[in-house]
Amino acid sequence: MMATIVIGFAYNLLQMALSIFTVVSGNRILNGNVGYLFDFFGDKIMSFVLLSGSAAGFGASEDLHIIFKNAELPFNVYFAKANAC
């Protein structure tokens, strides 16, 4: 999950830098179809990375919910609400 956050943050910073450069200079660093392909495939790859990170987070929270449920700790309400999201 942490790797997903770091990769997503780095990709977001790269996209912001490229967008700011485009607005300030008036032209793109990656001209032609290369820039559009980078945007398309970058977004596609990031959607798969975010999907796998959220699935890992759901699995981890479900496992922790079972552990806390068996120990009768007060975190049961938190994990029940988190899994509903």
N, C-alpha and C. Protein backbone atom coordinates (compact mmCIF):
# COMPACT_ATOMS: atom_id res chain seq x y z
N MET A 1 0.83 -1.19 0.00
CA MET A 1 0.00 0.00 0.00
C MET A 1 0.87 1.25 0.00
N MET A 2 1.95 1.22 0.76
CA MET A 2 2.83 2.39 0.81
C MET A 2 3.53 2.61 -0.53
N ALA A 3 3.90 1.53 -1.20
CA ALA A 3 4.53 1.67 -2.51
C ALA A 3 3.56 2.31 -3.50
N THR A 4 2.30 1.96 -3.41
CA THR A 4 1.28 2.55 -4.28
C THR A 4 1.19 4.06 -4.05
N ILE A 5 1.24 4.46 -2.80
CA ILE A 5 1.17 5.88 -2.47
C ILE A 5 2.39 6.61 -3.02
N VAL A 6 3.57 6.03 -2.85
CA VAL A 6 4.81 6.68 -3.30
C VAL A 6 4.83 6.77 -4.83
N ILE A 7 4.48 5.69 -5.51
CA ILE A 7 4.47 5.69 -6.98
C ILE A 7 3.44 6.67 -7.51
N GLY A 8 2.26 6.70 -6.91
CA GLY A 8 1.23 7.64 -7.33
C GLY A 8 1.64 9.09 -7.10
N PHE A 9 2.30 9.35 -5.99
CA PHE A 9 2.77 10.70 -5.69
C PHE A 9 3.83 11.14 -6.70
N ALA A 10 4.78 10.25 -7.02
CA ALA A 10 5.83 10.58 -7.99
C ALA A 10 5.24 10.82 -9.37
N TYR A 11 4.30 9.99 -9.77
CA TYR A 11 3.65 10.18 -11.09
C TYR A 11 2.88 11.49 -11.13
N ASN A 12 2.20 11.82 -10.03
CA ASN A 12 1.45 13.06 -9.96
C ASN A 12 2.39 14.27 -10.06
N LEU A 13 3.54 14.22 -9.38
CA LEU A 13 4.50 15.31 -9.47
C LEU A 13 5.04 15.46 -10.89
N LEU A 14 5.31 14.34 -11.56
CA LEU A 14 5.79 14.39 -12.93
C LEU A 14 4.74 15.01 -13.85
N GLN A 15 3.50 14.62 -13.70
CA GLN A 15 2.43 15.17 -14.53
C GLN A 15 2.24 16.67 -14.27
N MET A 16 2.34 17.07 -13.00
CA MET A 16 2.21 18.50 -12.69
C MET A 16 3.36 19.30 -13.30
N ALA A 17 4.59 18.77 -13.21
CA ALA A 17 5.73 19.47 -13.79
C ALA A 17 5.59 19.61 -15.30
N LEU A 18 5.16 18.54 -15.96
CA LEU A 18 4.96 18.61 -17.41
C LEU A 18 3.84 19.58 -17.78
N SER A 19 2.78 19.62 -17.00
CA SER A 19 1.68 20.54 -17.27
C SER A 19 2.09 21.99 -17.06
N ILE A 20 2.82 22.26 -15.99
CA ILE A 20 3.28 23.63 -15.73
C ILE A 20 4.23 24.08 -16.83
N PHE A 21 5.13 23.20 -17.27
CA PHE A 21 6.04 23.54 -18.37
C PHE A 21 5.26 23.85 -19.64
N THR A 22 4.22 23.07 -19.90
CA THR A 22 3.41 23.29 -21.10
C THR A 22 2.69 24.64 -21.05
N VAL A 23 2.15 24.98 -19.89
CA VAL A 23 1.43 26.25 -19.76
C VAL A 23 2.39 27.43 -19.86
N VAL A 24 3.55 27.34 -19.22
CA VAL A 24 4.48 28.46 -19.20
C VAL A 24 5.14 28.67 -20.56
N SER A 25 5.62 27.58 -21.17
CA SER A 25 6.37 27.73 -22.41
C SER A 25 5.49 27.73 -23.66
N GLY A 26 4.34 27.13 -23.58
CA GLY A 26 3.45 27.09 -24.73
C GLY A 26 3.64 25.87 -25.62
N ASN A 27 4.63 25.06 -25.35
CA ASN A 27 4.79 23.81 -26.12
C ASN A 27 5.11 22.66 -25.18
N ARG A 28 4.89 21.46 -25.66
CA ARG A 28 5.08 20.27 -24.83
C ARG A 28 6.51 19.77 -24.94
N ILE A 29 7.00 19.14 -23.86
CA ILE A 29 8.32 18.51 -23.90
C ILE A 29 8.28 17.31 -24.83
N LEU A 30 7.24 16.51 -24.67
CA LEU A 30 7.08 15.32 -25.51
C LEU A 30 6.12 15.69 -26.64
N ASN A 31 6.66 16.08 -27.77
CA ASN A 31 5.83 16.53 -28.89
C ASN A 31 5.21 15.36 -29.64
N GLY A 32 4.15 15.66 -30.35
CA GLY A 32 3.51 14.65 -31.20
C GLY A 32 2.76 13.60 -30.41
N ASN A 33 2.72 12.42 -30.99
CA ASN A 33 1.98 11.32 -30.38
C ASN A 33 2.66 10.77 -29.14
N VAL A 34 3.96 11.02 -28.98
CA VAL A 34 4.69 10.48 -27.83
C VAL A 34 4.11 11.02 -26.53
N GLY A 35 3.82 12.30 -26.49
CA GLY A 35 3.26 12.91 -25.28
C GLY A 35 1.89 12.37 -24.94
N TYR A 36 1.06 12.20 -25.96
CA TYR A 36 -0.29 11.68 -25.71
C TYR A 36 -0.24 10.20 -25.32
N LEU A 37 0.67 9.45 -25.92
CA LEU A 37 0.82 8.05 -25.55
C LEU A 37 1.35 7.91 -24.12
N PHE A 38 2.28 8.80 -23.74
CA PHE A 38 2.79 8.79 -22.36
C PHE A 38 1.66 9.05 -21.38
N ASP A 39 0.83 10.05 -21.68
CA ASP A 39 -0.31 10.36 -20.80
C ASP A 39 -1.28 9.19 -20.71
N PHE A 40 -1.61 8.61 -21.85
CA PHE A 40 -2.59 7.53 -21.88
C PHE A 40 -2.09 6.30 -21.13
N PHE A 41 -0.89 5.83 -21.49
CA PHE A 41 -0.39 4.61 -20.86
C PHE A 41 0.04 4.85 -19.42
N GLY A 42 0.51 6.05 -19.11
CA GLY A 42 0.83 6.36 -17.71
C GLY A 42 -0.41 6.31 -16.84
N ASP A 43 -1.51 6.88 -17.32
CA ASP A 43 -2.77 6.84 -16.56
C ASP A 43 -3.30 5.42 -16.45
N LYS A 44 -3.15 4.65 -17.52
CA LYS A 44 -3.62 3.27 -17.51
C LYS A 44 -2.83 2.43 -16.50
N ILE A 45 -1.52 2.57 -16.49
CA ILE A 45 -0.67 1.83 -15.55
C ILE A 45 -0.97 2.27 -14.12
N MET A 46 -1.13 3.59 -13.91
CA MET A 46 -1.43 4.07 -12.56
C MET A 46 -2.77 3.58 -12.06
N SER A 47 -3.75 3.41 -12.94
CA SER A 47 -5.04 2.88 -12.49
C SER A 47 -4.89 1.44 -12.01
N PHE A 48 -4.06 0.66 -12.69
CA PHE A 48 -3.83 -0.72 -12.24
C PHE A 48 -3.05 -0.76 -10.93
N VAL A 49 -2.08 0.14 -10.77
CA VAL A 49 -1.30 0.20 -9.52
C VAL A 49 -2.21 0.60 -8.36
N LEU A 50 -3.06 1.60 -8.58
CA LEU A 50 -3.98 2.03 -7.52
C LEU A 50 -5.00 0.95 -7.18
N LEU A 51 -5.44 0.22 -8.19
CA LEU A 51 -6.38 -0.88 -7.95
C LEU A 51 -5.74 -1.96 -7.09
N SER A 52 -4.50 -2.33 -7.40
CA SER A 52 -3.84 -3.37 -6.61
C SER A 52 -3.55 -2.88 -5.19
N GLY A 53 -3.22 -1.60 -5.04
CA GLY A 53 -2.99 -1.05 -3.70
C GLY A 53 -4.25 -1.03 -2.85
N SER A 54 -5.37 -0.67 -3.47
CA SER A 54 -6.62 -0.65 -2.70
C SER A 54 -7.08 -2.05 -2.35
N ALA A 55 -6.85 -3.01 -3.24
CA ALA A 55 -7.20 -4.41 -2.93
C ALA A 55 -6.33 -4.94 -1.79
N ALA A 56 -5.05 -4.57 -1.77
CA ALA A 56 -4.18 -4.99 -0.68
C ALA A 56 -4.62 -4.35 0.63
N GLY A 57 -5.03 -3.09 0.57
CA GLY A 57 -5.52 -2.43 1.78
C GLY A 57 -6.80 -3.06 2.31
N PHE A 58 -7.69 -3.45 1.40
CA PHE A 58 -8.92 -4.12 1.84
C PHE A 58 -8.61 -5.46 2.48
N GLY A 59 -7.69 -6.22 1.87
CA GLY A 59 -7.32 -7.51 2.44
C GLY A 59 -6.68 -7.37 3.81
N ALA A 60 -5.81 -6.39 3.97
CA ALA A 60 -5.15 -6.17 5.26
C ALA A 60 -6.16 -5.74 6.32
N SER A 61 -7.09 -4.86 5.96
CA SER A 61 -8.08 -4.41 6.94
C SER A 61 -9.04 -5.53 7.31
N GLU A 62 -9.35 -6.42 6.36
CA GLU A 62 -10.22 -7.55 6.68
C GLU A 62 -9.52 -8.52 7.64
N ASP A 63 -8.24 -8.76 7.42
CA ASP A 63 -7.49 -9.63 8.34
C ASP A 63 -7.39 -9.02 9.72
N LEU A 64 -7.13 -7.71 9.80
CA LEU A 64 -7.06 -7.05 11.11
C LEU A 64 -8.43 -7.03 11.79
N HIS A 65 -9.49 -6.89 11.00
CA HIS A 65 -10.84 -6.90 11.58
C HIS A 65 -11.12 -8.26 12.25
N ILE A 66 -10.72 -9.34 11.62
CA ILE A 66 -10.93 -10.67 12.19
C ILE A 66 -10.12 -10.82 13.48
N ILE A 67 -8.89 -10.33 13.48
CA ILE A 67 -8.05 -10.44 14.68
C ILE A 67 -8.64 -9.65 15.83
N PHE A 68 -9.04 -8.40 15.56
CA PHE A 68 -9.61 -7.57 16.62
C PHE A 68 -10.98 -8.06 17.05
N LYS A 69 -11.72 -8.68 16.15
CA LYS A 69 -13.04 -9.21 16.50
C LYS A 69 -12.90 -10.37 17.47
N ASN A 70 -11.91 -11.23 17.22
CA ASN A 70 -11.69 -12.37 18.12
C ASN A 70 -11.17 -11.92 19.48
N ALA A 71 -10.40 -10.84 19.53
CA ALA A 71 -9.85 -10.34 20.79
C ALA A 71 -10.82 -9.41 21.51
N GLU A 72 -11.96 -9.09 20.89
CA GLU A 72 -12.97 -8.20 21.43
C GLU A 72 -12.40 -6.84 21.81
N LEU A 73 -11.65 -6.26 20.90
CA LEU A 73 -11.09 -4.93 21.11
C LEU A 73 -12.02 -3.87 20.51
N PRO A 74 -11.90 -2.62 20.91
CA PRO A 74 -12.85 -1.59 20.44
C PRO A 74 -12.66 -1.14 19.00
N PHE A 75 -11.75 -1.74 18.25
CA PHE A 75 -11.53 -1.34 16.86
C PHE A 75 -12.54 -1.96 15.91
N ASN A 76 -13.44 -2.78 16.38
CA ASN A 76 -14.40 -3.46 15.50
C ASN A 76 -15.26 -2.47 14.72
N VAL A 77 -15.69 -1.40 15.35
CA VAL A 77 -16.53 -0.41 14.68
C VAL A 77 -15.75 0.27 13.56
N TYR A 78 -14.49 0.61 13.82
CA TYR A 78 -13.66 1.26 12.80
C TYR A 78 -13.51 0.37 11.58
N PHE A 79 -13.15 -0.89 11.77
CA PHE A 79 -12.92 -1.77 10.64
C PHE A 79 -14.22 -2.12 9.90
N ALA A 80 -15.33 -2.17 10.62
CA ALA A 80 -16.61 -2.42 9.95
C ALA A 80 -16.96 -1.26 9.02
N LYS A 81 -16.70 -0.03 9.46
CA LYS A 81 -16.96 1.15 8.62
C LYS A 81 -15.96 1.26 7.48
N ALA A 82 -14.70 0.91 7.75
CA ALA A 82 -13.68 0.98 6.71
C ALA A 82 -13.94 -0.04 5.61
N ASN A 83 -14.40 -1.22 5.96
CA ASN A 83 -14.69 -2.22 4.95
C ASN A 83 -15.93 -1.86 4.14
N ALA A 84 -16.85 -1.11 4.73
CA ALA A 84 -18.04 -0.69 4.00
C ALA A 84 -17.67 0.30 2.89
N CYS A 85 -16.64 1.10 3.13
CA CYS A 85 -16.20 2.07 2.11
C CYS A 85 -15.60 1.34 0.94
